[in-house]
Amino acid sequence: MEGPEGLGRKQACLAMLLHFLDTYQGLLQEEEGAGHIIKDLYLLIMKDESLYQGLREDTLRLHQLVETVELKIPEENQPPSKQVKPLFRHFRRIDSCLQTR
């Protein structure tokens, strides 16, 4: 598959994957399973990158899109702010005052 036919198939697969990533990038950042499939396809494409120098620009674009999907940190996973600790201390003090001795 290293001939012109193989190049055409690789180019079609890469074009489809790039279009898919462009279209559904936001959803892929939310769905962990979809990200794994994209990463597997990316690794397969990058494995043969040296054989297909004509696809260099597309593989670089794919690399950038995969990085943006992987590096997106969901908002609910952001570290909590430091102001939460004093609030816990406050309620712990109130709770200890209300306990019967």
PDB file of N, CA and C in Angstrom:
ATOM      1  N   MET A   1       0.812  -1.206   0.000  1.00  0.00           N
ATOM      2  CA  MET A   1       0.000   0.000   0.000  1.00  0.00           C
ATOM      3  C   MET A   1       0.848   1.260   0.000  1.00  0.00           C
ATOM      4  N   GLU A   2       2.091   1.135  -0.356  1.00  0.00           N
ATOM      5  CA  GLU A   2       2.941   2.315  -0.323  1.00  0.00           C
ATOM      6  C   GLU A   2       2.917   3.073  -1.646  1.00  0.00           C
ATOM      7  N   GLY A   3       2.153   2.600  -2.614  1.00  0.00           N
ATOM      8  CA  GLY A   3       2.080   3.262  -3.904  1.00  0.00           C
ATOM      9  C   GLY A   3       1.080   4.396  -3.895  1.00  0.00           C
ATOM     10  N   PRO A   4       0.729   4.854  -5.100  1.00  0.00           N
ATOM     11  CA  PRO A   4      -0.232   5.961  -5.209  1.00  0.00           C
ATOM     12  C   PRO A   4      -1.602   5.601  -4.635  1.00  0.00           C
ATOM     13  N   GLU A   5      -2.002   4.322  -4.760  1.00  0.00           N
ATOM     14  CA  GLU A   5      -3.297   3.909  -4.215  1.00  0.00           C
ATOM     15  C   GLU A   5      -3.292   4.011  -2.687  1.00  0.00           C
ATOM     16  N   GLY A   6      -2.205   3.597  -2.069  1.00  0.00           N
ATOM     17  CA  GLY A   6      -2.090   3.691  -0.609  1.00  0.00           C
ATOM     18  C   GLY A   6      -2.089   5.130  -0.137  1.00  0.00           C
ATOM     19  N   LEU A   7      -1.417   5.985  -0.886  1.00  0.00           N
ATOM     20  CA  LEU A   7      -1.386   7.407  -0.537  1.00  0.00           C
ATOM     21  C   LEU A   7      -2.782   8.013  -0.620  1.00  0.00           C
ATOM     22  N   GLY A   8      -3.518   7.647  -1.656  1.00  0.00           N
ATOM     23  CA  GLY A   8      -4.880   8.161  -1.812  1.00  0.00           C
ATOM     24  C   GLY A   8      -5.789   7.728  -0.672  1.00  0.00           C
ATOM     25  N   ARG A   9      -5.645   6.481  -0.252  1.00  0.00           N
ATOM     26  CA  ARG A   9      -6.465   5.982   0.860  1.00  0.00           C
ATOM     27  C   ARG A   9      -6.097   6.670   2.172  1.00  0.00           C
ATOM     28  N   LYS A  10      -4.802   6.824   2.387  1.00  0.00           N
ATOM     29  CA  LYS A  10      -4.359   7.516   3.610  1.00  0.00           C
ATOM     30  C   LYS A  10      -4.854   8.955   3.613  1.00  0.00           C
ATOM     31  N   GLN A  11      -4.761   9.594   2.462  1.00  0.00           N
ATOM     32  CA  GLN A  11      -5.188  10.988   2.365  1.00  0.00           C
ATOM     33  C   GLN A  11      -6.689  11.112   2.614  1.00  0.00           C
ATOM     34  N   ALA A  12      -7.476  10.179   2.098  1.00  0.00           N
ATOM     35  CA  ALA A  12      -8.926  10.203   2.312  1.00  0.00           C
ATOM     36  C   ALA A  12      -9.256   9.971   3.784  1.00  0.00           C
ATOM     37  N   CYS A  13      -8.571   9.032   4.407  1.00  0.00           N
ATOM     38  CA  CYS A  13      -8.788   8.750   5.830  1.00  0.00           C
ATOM     39  C   CYS A  13      -8.410   9.957   6.680  1.00  0.00           C
ATOM     40  N   LEU A  14      -7.299  10.562   6.357  1.00  0.00           N
ATOM     41  CA  LEU A  14      -6.829  11.727   7.105  1.00  0.00           C
ATOM     42  C   LEU A  14      -7.774  12.911   6.921  1.00  0.00           C
ATOM     43  N   ALA A  15      -8.262  13.115   5.711  1.00  0.00           N
ATOM     44  CA  ALA A  15      -9.204  14.212   5.458  1.00  0.00           C
ATOM     45  C   ALA A  15     -10.499  14.000   6.236  1.00  0.00           C
ATOM     46  N   MET A  16     -10.980  12.757   6.284  1.00  0.00           N
ATOM     47  CA  MET A  16     -12.201  12.451   7.026  1.00  0.00           C
ATOM     48  C   MET A  16     -11.994  12.695   8.521  1.00  0.00           C
ATOM     49  N   LEU A  17     -10.858  12.268   9.050  1.00  0.00           N
ATOM     50  CA  LEU A  17     -10.571  12.451  10.473  1.00  0.00           C
ATOM     51  C   LEU A  17     -10.428  13.933  10.824  1.00  0.00           C
ATOM     52  N   LEU A  18      -9.771  14.694   9.968  1.00  0.00           N
ATOM     53  CA  LEU A  18      -9.629  16.134  10.211  1.00  0.00           C
ATOM     54  C   LEU A  18     -10.987  16.832  10.183  1.00  0.00           C
ATOM     55  N   HIS A  19     -11.830  16.458   9.241  1.00  0.00           N
ATOM     56  CA  HIS A  19     -13.175  17.045   9.170  1.00  0.00           C
ATOM     57  C   HIS A  19     -13.972  16.689  10.425  1.00  0.00           C
ATOM     58  N   PHE A  20     -13.873  15.445  10.855  1.00  0.00           N
ATOM     59  CA  PHE A  20     -14.575  14.994  12.058  1.00  0.00           C
ATOM     60  C   PHE A  20     -14.104  15.769  13.284  1.00  0.00           C
ATOM     61  N   LEU A  21     -12.791  15.944  13.417  1.00  0.00           N
ATOM     62  CA  LEU A  21     -12.244  16.685  14.562  1.00  0.00           C
ATOM     63  C   LEU A  21     -12.659  18.151  14.530  1.00  0.00           C
ATOM     64  N   ASP A  22     -12.644  18.748  13.345  1.00  0.00           N
ATOM     65  CA  ASP A  22     -13.076  20.148  13.227  1.00  0.00           C
ATOM     66  C   ASP A  22     -14.539  20.310  13.623  1.00  0.00           C
ATOM     67  N   THR A  23     -15.360  19.363  13.188  1.00  0.00           N
ATOM     68  CA  THR A  23     -16.797  19.465  13.410  1.00  0.00           C
ATOM     69  C   THR A  23     -17.193  19.175  14.853  1.00  0.00           C
ATOM     70  N   TYR A  24     -16.614  18.128  15.436  1.00  0.00           N
ATOM     71  CA  TYR A  24     -17.071  17.650  16.745  1.00  0.00           C
ATOM     72  C   TYR A  24     -16.051  17.850  17.860  1.00  0.00           C
ATOM     73  N   GLN A  25     -15.188  18.830  17.723  1.00  0.00           N
ATOM     74  CA  GLN A  25     -14.121  19.044  18.700  1.00  0.00           C
ATOM     75  C   GLN A  25     -14.664  19.251  20.116  1.00  0.00           C
ATOM     76  N   GLY A  26     -15.706  20.040  20.267  1.00  0.00           N
ATOM     77  CA  GLY A  26     -16.269  20.297  21.589  1.00  0.00           C
ATOM     78  C   GLY A  26     -16.820  19.046  22.238  1.00  0.00           C
ATOM     79  N   LEU A  27     -17.512  18.223  21.461  1.00  0.00           N
ATOM     80  CA  LEU A  27     -18.068  16.982  22.001  1.00  0.00           C
ATOM     81  C   LEU A  27     -16.979  15.996  22.381  1.00  0.00           C
ATOM     82  N   LEU A  28     -15.909  15.959  21.604  1.00  0.00           N
ATOM     83  CA  LEU A  28     -14.823  15.027  21.887  1.00  0.00           C
ATOM     84  C   LEU A  28     -14.116  15.369  23.188  1.00  0.00           C
ATOM     85  N   GLN A  29     -14.108  16.631  23.546  1.00  0.00           N
ATOM     86  CA  GLN A  29     -13.472  17.034  24.790  1.00  0.00           C
ATOM     87  C   GLN A  29     -14.285  16.571  25.984  1.00  0.00           C
ATOM     88  N   GLU A  30     -15.578  16.355  25.795  1.00  0.00           N
ATOM     89  CA  GLU A  30     -16.442  15.911  26.879  1.00  0.00           C
ATOM     90  C   GLU A  30     -16.517  14.391  26.966  1.00  0.00           C
ATOM     91  N   GLU A  31     -16.430  13.696  25.846  1.00  0.00           N
ATOM     92  CA  GLU A  31     -16.569  12.243  25.803  1.00  0.00           C
ATOM     93  C   GLU A  31     -15.204  11.572  25.832  1.00  0.00           C
ATOM     94  N   GLU A  32     -14.916  10.887  26.923  1.00  0.00           N
ATOM     95  CA  GLU A  32     -13.615  10.249  27.081  1.00  0.00           C
ATOM     96  C   GLU A  32     -13.421   9.110  26.081  1.00  0.00           C
ATOM     97  N   GLY A  33     -14.457   8.311  25.844  1.00  0.00           N
ATOM     98  CA  GLY A  33     -14.358   7.178  24.925  1.00  0.00           C
ATOM     99  C   GLY A  33     -14.047   7.601  23.504  1.00  0.00           C
ATOM    100  N   ALA A  34     -14.663   8.672  23.053  1.00  0.00           N
ATOM    101  CA  ALA A  34     -14.409   9.172  21.703  1.00  0.00           C
ATOM    102  C   ALA A  34     -12.971   9.652  21.581  1.00  0.00           C
ATOM    103  N   GLY A  35     -12.454  10.229  22.635  1.00  0.00           N
ATOM    104  CA  GLY A  35     -11.069  10.690  22.620  1.00  0.00           C
ATOM    105  C   GLY A  35     -10.089   9.546  22.443  1.00  0.00           C
ATOM    106  N   HIS A  36     -10.403   8.392  23.037  1.00  0.00           N
ATOM    107  CA  HIS A  36      -9.527   7.224  22.893  1.00  0.00           C
ATOM    108  C   HIS A  36      -9.511   6.716  21.451  1.00  0.00           C
ATOM    109  N   ILE A  37     -10.663   6.721  20.805  1.00  0.00           N
ATOM    110  CA  ILE A  37     -10.736   6.277  19.411  1.00  0.00           C
ATOM    111  C   ILE A  37      -9.926   7.209  18.519  1.00  0.00           C
ATOM    112  N   ILE A  38     -10.079   8.501  18.727  1.00  0.00           N
ATOM    113  CA  ILE A  38      -9.329   9.482  17.938  1.00  0.00           C
ATOM    114  C   ILE A  38      -7.832   9.310  18.167  1.00  0.00           C
ATOM    115  N   LYS A  39      -7.449   9.082  19.411  1.00  0.00           N
ATOM    116  CA  LYS A  39      -6.029   8.905  19.719  1.00  0.00           C
ATOM    117  C   LYS A  39      -5.482   7.647  19.047  1.00  0.00           C
ATOM    118  N   ASP A  40      -6.250   6.562  19.034  1.00  0.00           N
ATOM    119  CA  ASP A  40      -5.816   5.338  18.361  1.00  0.00           C
ATOM    120  C   ASP A  40      -5.627   5.570  16.863  1.00  0.00           C
ATOM    121  N   LEU A  41      -6.586   6.251  16.236  1.00  0.00           N
ATOM    122  CA  LEU A  41      -6.453   6.570  14.812  1.00  0.00           C
ATOM    123  C   LEU A  41      -5.242   7.459  14.560  1.00  0.00           C
ATOM    124  N   TYR A  42      -5.044   8.421  15.439  1.00  0.00           N
ATOM    125  CA  TYR A  42      -3.902   9.331  15.320  1.00  0.00           C
ATOM    126  C   TYR A  42      -2.588   8.550  15.376  1.00  0.00           C
ATOM    127  N   LEU A  43      -2.483   7.610  16.323  1.00  0.00           N
ATOM    128  CA  LEU A  43      -1.253   6.824  16.453  1.00  0.00           C
ATOM    129  C   LEU A  43      -1.009   5.964  15.216  1.00  0.00           C
ATOM    130  N   LEU A  44      -2.065   5.398  14.646  1.00  0.00           N
ATOM    131  CA  LEU A  44      -1.911   4.608  13.421  1.00  0.00           C
ATOM    132  C   LEU A  44      -1.442   5.469  12.253  1.00  0.00           C
ATOM    133  N   ILE A  45      -1.982   6.660  12.143  1.00  0.00           N
ATOM    134  CA  ILE A  45      -1.577   7.562  11.059  1.00  0.00           C
ATOM    135  C   ILE A  45      -0.135   8.012  11.253  1.00  0.00           C
ATOM    136  N   MET A  46       0.225   8.359  12.480  1.00  0.00           N
ATOM    137  CA  MET A  46       1.579   8.854  12.734  1.00  0.00           C
ATOM    138  C   MET A  46       2.626   7.749  12.567  1.00  0.00           C
ATOM    139  N   LYS A  47       2.227   6.497  12.742  1.00  0.00           N
ATOM    140  CA  LYS A  47       3.159   5.381  12.573  1.00  0.00           C
ATOM    141  C   LYS A  47       3.686   5.327  11.144  1.00  0.00           C
ATOM    142  N   ASP A  48       2.840   5.646  10.181  1.00  0.00           N
ATOM    143  CA  ASP A  48       3.216   5.597   8.768  1.00  0.00           C
ATOM    144  C   ASP A  48       3.565   6.959   8.189  1.00  0.00           C
ATOM    145  N   GLU A  49       3.715   7.948   9.030  1.00  0.00           N
ATOM    146  CA  GLU A  49       3.946   9.312   8.537  1.00  0.00           C
ATOM    147  C   GLU A  49       5.192   9.410   7.666  1.00  0.00           C
ATOM    148  N   SER A  50       6.249   8.713   8.032  1.00  0.00           N
ATOM    149  CA  SER A  50       7.498   8.824   7.275  1.00  0.00           C
ATOM    150  C   SER A  50       7.364   8.251   5.862  1.00  0.00           C
ATOM    151  N   LEU A  51       6.411   7.356   5.654  1.00  0.00           N
ATOM    152  CA  LEU A  51       6.215   6.772   4.324  1.00  0.00           C
ATOM    153  C   LEU A  51       5.479   7.708   3.374  1.00  0.00           C
ATOM    154  N   TYR A  52       4.737   8.650   3.929  1.00  0.00           N
ATOM    155  CA  TYR A  52       3.888   9.523   3.121  1.00  0.00           C
ATOM    156  C   TYR A  52       4.240  10.986   3.377  1.00  0.00           C
ATOM    157  N   GLN A  53       5.301  11.450   2.756  1.00  0.00           N
ATOM    158  CA  GLN A  53       5.747  12.832   2.949  1.00  0.00           C
ATOM    159  C   GLN A  53       4.744  13.835   2.380  1.00  0.00           C
ATOM    160  N   GLY A  54       3.918  13.417   1.442  1.00  0.00           N
ATOM    161  CA  GLY A  54       2.930  14.309   0.842  1.00  0.00           C
ATOM    162  C   GLY A  54       1.819  14.703   1.808  1.00  0.00           C
ATOM    163  N   LEU A  55       1.701  13.983   2.896  1.00  0.00           N
ATOM    164  CA  LEU A  55       0.648  14.265   3.877  1.00  0.00           C
ATOM    165  C   LEU A  55       1.176  15.031   5.085  1.00  0.00           C
ATOM    166  N   ARG A  56       2.338  15.602   4.961  1.00  0.00           N
ATOM    167  CA  ARG A  56       3.002  16.267   6.090  1.00  0.00           C
ATOM    168  C   ARG A  56       2.139  17.372   6.708  1.00  0.00           C
ATOM    169  N   GLU A  57       1.578  18.236   5.878  1.00  0.00           N
ATOM    170  CA  GLU A  57       0.772  19.354   6.403  1.00  0.00           C
ATOM    171  C   GLU A  57      -0.469  18.850   7.127  1.00  0.00           C
ATOM    172  N   ASP A  58      -1.119  17.841   6.538  1.00  0.00           N
ATOM    173  CA  ASP A  58      -2.323  17.300   7.170  1.00  0.00           C
ATOM    174  C   ASP A  58      -2.003  16.614   8.492  1.00  0.00           C
ATOM    175  N   THR A  59      -0.875  15.906   8.554  1.00  0.00           N
ATOM    176  CA  THR A  59      -0.530  15.239   9.817  1.00  0.00           C
ATOM    177  C   THR A  59      -0.172  16.258  10.893  1.00  0.00           C
ATOM    178  N   LEU A  60       0.448  17.358  10.516  1.00  0.00           N
ATOM    179  CA  LEU A  60       0.735  18.409  11.499  1.00  0.00           C
ATOM    180  C   LEU A  60      -0.560  19.038  12.015  1.00  0.00           C
ATOM    181  N   ARG A  61      -1.506  19.260  11.123  1.00  0.00           N
ATOM    182  CA  ARG A  61      -2.805  19.805  11.532  1.00  0.00           C
ATOM    183  C   ARG A  61      -3.536  18.820  12.443  1.00  0.00           C
ATOM    184  N   LEU A  62      -3.457  17.539  12.107  1.00  0.00           N
ATOM    185  CA  LEU A  62      -4.070  16.507  12.944  1.00  0.00           C
ATOM    186  C   LEU A  62      -3.435  16.498  14.328  1.00  0.00           C
ATOM    187  N   HIS A  63      -2.126  16.614  14.370  1.00  0.00           N
ATOM    188  CA  HIS A  63      -1.410  16.642  15.651  1.00  0.00           C
ATOM    189  C   HIS A  63      -1.902  17.802  16.518  1.00  0.00           C
ATOM    190  N   GLN A  64      -2.054  18.969  15.928  1.00  0.00           N
ATOM    191  CA  GLN A  64      -2.529  20.138  16.682  1.00  0.00           C
ATOM    192  C   GLN A  64      -3.953  19.939  17.192  1.00  0.00           C
ATOM    193  N   LEU A  65      -4.828  19.376  16.371  1.00  0.00           N
ATOM    194  CA  LEU A  65      -6.213  19.150  16.789  1.00  0.00           C
ATOM    195  C   LEU A  65      -6.299  18.115  17.903  1.00  0.00           C
ATOM    196  N   VAL A  66      -5.510  17.050  17.796  1.00  0.00           N
ATOM    197  CA  VAL A  66      -5.522  16.016  18.837  1.00  0.00           C
ATOM    198  C   VAL A  66      -5.009  16.594  20.147  1.00  0.00           C
ATOM    199  N   GLU A  67      -3.986  17.437  20.077  1.00  0.00           N
ATOM    200  CA  GLU A  67      -3.477  18.076  21.303  1.00  0.00           C
ATOM    201  C   GLU A  67      -4.539  18.951  21.953  1.00  0.00           C
ATOM    202  N   THR A  68      -5.288  19.705  21.173  1.00  0.00           N
ATOM    203  CA  THR A  68      -6.308  20.570  21.772  1.00  0.00           C
ATOM    204  C   THR A  68      -7.421  19.753  22.404  1.00  0.00           C
ATOM    205  N   VAL A  69      -7.754  18.618  21.816  1.00  0.00           N
ATOM    206  CA  VAL A  69      -8.782  17.755  22.403  1.00  0.00           C
ATOM    207  C   VAL A  69      -8.275  17.143  23.701  1.00  0.00           C
ATOM    208  N   GLU A  70      -7.001  16.700  23.718  1.00  0.00           N
ATOM    209  CA  GLU A  70      -6.452  16.050  24.910  1.00  0.00           C
ATOM    210  C   GLU A  70      -6.179  17.024  26.040  1.00  0.00           C
ATOM    211  N   LEU A  71      -5.736  18.232  25.732  1.00  0.00           N
ATOM    212  CA  LEU A  71      -5.308  19.164  26.771  1.00  0.00           C
ATOM    213  C   LEU A  71      -6.441  19.979  27.362  1.00  0.00           C
ATOM    214  N   LYS A  72      -7.625  19.875  26.825  1.00  0.00           N
ATOM    215  CA  LYS A  72      -8.760  20.621  27.373  1.00  0.00           C
ATOM    216  C   LYS A  72      -9.103  20.069  28.748  1.00  0.00           C
ATOM    217  N   ILE A  73      -9.085  20.928  29.757  1.00  0.00           N
ATOM    218  CA  ILE A  73      -9.424  20.532  31.117  1.00  0.00           C
ATOM    219  C   ILE A  73     -10.880  20.896  31.351  1.00  0.00           C
ATOM    220  N   PRO A  74     -11.721  19.900  31.625  1.00  0.00           N
ATOM    221  CA  PRO A  74     -13.126  20.226  31.894  1.00  0.00           C
ATOM    222  C   PRO A  74     -13.254  21.128  33.112  1.00  0.00           C
ATOM    223  N   GLU A  75     -14.267  21.989  33.093  1.00  0.00           N
ATOM    224  CA  GLU A  75     -14.430  22.971  34.162  1.00  0.00           C
ATOM    225  C   GLU A  75     -14.660  22.328  35.518  1.00  0.00           C
ATOM    226  N   GLU A  76     -15.336  21.176  35.565  1.00  0.00           N
ATOM    227  CA  GLU A  76     -15.603  20.566  36.859  1.00  0.00           C
ATOM    228  C   GLU A  76     -14.359  19.932  37.478  1.00  0.00           C
ATOM    229  N   ASN A  77     -13.282  19.761  36.705  1.00  0.00           N
ATOM    230  CA  ASN A  77     -12.054  19.186  37.239  1.00  0.00           C
ATOM    231  C   ASN A  77     -11.051  20.241  37.688  1.00  0.00           C
ATOM    232  N   GLN A  78     -11.412  21.495  37.610  1.00  0.00           N
ATOM    233  CA  GLN A  78     -10.494  22.541  38.035  1.00  0.00           C
ATOM    234  C   GLN A  78     -10.348  22.501  39.550  1.00  0.00           C
ATOM    235  N   PRO A  79      -9.154  22.819  40.060  1.00  0.00           N
ATOM    236  CA  PRO A  79      -8.953  22.768  41.505  1.00  0.00           C
ATOM    237  C   PRO A  79      -9.842  23.776  42.225  1.00  0.00           C
ATOM    238  N   PRO A  80     -10.346  23.419  43.397  1.00  0.00           N
ATOM    239  CA  PRO A  80     -11.206  24.352  44.136  1.00  0.00           C
ATOM    240  C   PRO A  80     -10.413  25.562  44.610  1.00  0.00           C
ATOM    241  N   SER A  81     -11.123  26.639  44.821  1.00  0.00           N
ATOM    242  CA  SER A  81     -10.445  27.857  45.253  1.00  0.00           C
ATOM    243  C   SER A  81     -10.035  27.738  46.714  1.00  0.00           C
ATOM    244  N   LYS A  82      -9.112  28.569  47.120  1.00  0.00           N
ATOM    245  CA  LYS A  82      -8.584  28.528  48.482  1.00  0.00           C
ATOM    246  C   LYS A  82      -9.589  29.022  49.514  1.00  0.00           C
ATOM    247  N   GLN A  83     -10.628  29.731  49.102  1.00  0.00           N
ATOM    248  CA  GLN A  83     -11.585  30.297  50.040  1.00  0.00           C
ATOM    249  C   GLN A  83     -12.537  29.247  50.606  1.00  0.00           C
ATOM    250  N   VAL A  84     -12.497  28.038  50.106  1.00  0.00           N
ATOM    251  CA  VAL A  84     -13.380  26.989  50.601  1.00  0.00           C
ATOM    252  C   VAL A  84     -12.946  26.540  51.991  1.00  0.00           C
ATOM    253  N   LYS A  85     -11.650  26.491  52.254  1.00  0.00           N
ATOM    254  CA  LYS A  85     -11.150  26.002  53.543  1.00  0.00           C
ATOM    255  C   LYS A  85     -11.670  26.809  54.731  1.00  0.00           C
ATOM    256  N   PRO A  86     -11.638  28.135  54.710  1.00  0.00           N
ATOM    257  CA  PRO A  86     -12.185  28.868  55.861  1.00  0.00           C
ATOM    258  C   PRO A  86     -13.664  28.574  56.092  1.00  0.00           C
ATOM    259  N   LEU A  87     -14.397  28.327  55.038  1.00  0.00           N
ATOM    260  CA  LEU A  87     -15.808  28.003  55.171  1.00  0.00           C
ATOM    261  C   LEU A  87     -15.989  26.670  55.902  1.00  0.00           C
ATOM    262  N   PHE A  88     -15.171  25.675  55.554  1.00  0.00           N
ATOM    263  CA  PHE A  88     -15.232  24.396  56.264  1.00  0.00           C
ATOM    264  C   PHE A  88     -14.878  24.580  57.735  1.00  0.00           C
ATOM    265  N   ARG A  89     -13.865  25.383  58.015  1.00  0.00           N
ATOM    266  CA  ARG A  89     -13.467  25.648  59.406  1.00  0.00           C
ATOM    267  C   ARG A  89     -14.613  26.279  60.186  1.00  0.00           C
ATOM    268  N   HIS A  90     -15.301  27.211  59.554  1.00  0.00           N
ATOM    269  CA  HIS A  90     -16.418  27.902  60.194  1.00  0.00           C
ATOM    270  C   HIS A  90     -17.514  26.905  60.580  1.00  0.00           C
ATOM    271  N   PHE A  91     -17.898  26.042  59.651  1.00  0.00           N
ATOM    272  CA  PHE A  91     -18.957  25.083  59.949  1.00  0.00           C
ATOM    273  C   PHE A  91     -18.503  24.031  60.956  1.00  0.00           C
ATOM    274  N   ARG A  92     -17.251  23.680  60.936  1.00  0.00           N
ATOM    275  CA  ARG A  92     -16.736  22.718  61.910  1.00  0.00           C
ATOM    276  C   ARG A  92     -16.813  23.310  63.312  1.00  0.00           C
ATOM    277  N   ARG A  93     -16.501  24.596  63.447  1.00  0.00           N
ATOM    278  CA  ARG A  93     -16.590  25.256  64.756  1.00  0.00           C
ATOM    279  C   ARG A  93     -18.033  25.324  65.240  1.00  0.00           C
ATOM    280  N   ILE A  94     -18.942  25.682  64.347  1.00  0.00           N
ATOM    281  CA  ILE A  94     -20.359  25.749  64.717  1.00  0.00           C
ATOM    282  C   ILE A  94     -20.849  24.366  65.126  1.00  0.00           C
ATOM    283  N   ASP A  95     -20.451  23.348  64.377  1.00  0.00           N
ATOM    284  CA  ASP A  95     -20.870  21.984  64.676  1.00  0.00           C
ATOM    285  C   ASP A  95     -20.346  21.540  66.041  1.00  0.00           C
ATOM    286  N   SER A  96     -19.106  21.881  66.348  1.00  0.00           N
ATOM    287  CA  SER A  96     -18.548  21.486  67.648  1.00  0.00           C
ATOM    288  C   SER A  96     -19.234  22.229  68.790  1.00  0.00           C
ATOM    289  N   CYS A  97     -19.669  23.453  68.558  1.00  0.00           N
ATOM    290  CA  CYS A  97     -20.383  24.208  69.601  1.00  0.00           C
ATOM    291  C   CYS A  97     -21.773  23.630  69.860  1.00  0.00           C
ATOM    292  N   LEU A  98     -22.378  23.067  68.838  1.00  0.00           N
ATOM    293  CA  LEU A  98     -23.731  22.542  68.976  1.00  0.00           C
ATOM    294  C   LEU A  98     -23.783  21.131  69.568  1.00  0.00           C
ATOM    295  N   GLN A  99     -22.646  20.466  69.611  1.00  0.00           N
ATOM    296  CA  GLN A  99     -22.639  19.110  70.160  1.00  0.00           C
ATOM    297  C   GLN A  99     -22.870  19.148  71.663  1.00  0.00           C
ATOM    298  N   THR A 100     -23.628  18.167  72.155  1.00  0.00           N
ATOM    299  CA  THR A 100     -23.866  18.094  73.604  1.00  0.00           C
ATOM    300  C   THR A 100     -22.665  17.469  74.285  1.00  0.00           C
ATOM    301  N   ARG A 101     -22.410  17.948  75.494  1.00  0.00           N
ATOM    302  CA  ARG A 101     -21.239  17.432  76.214  1.00  0.00           C
ATOM    303  C   ARG A 101     -21.643  16.612  77.372  1.00  0.00           C
TER     304      ARG A 101
END
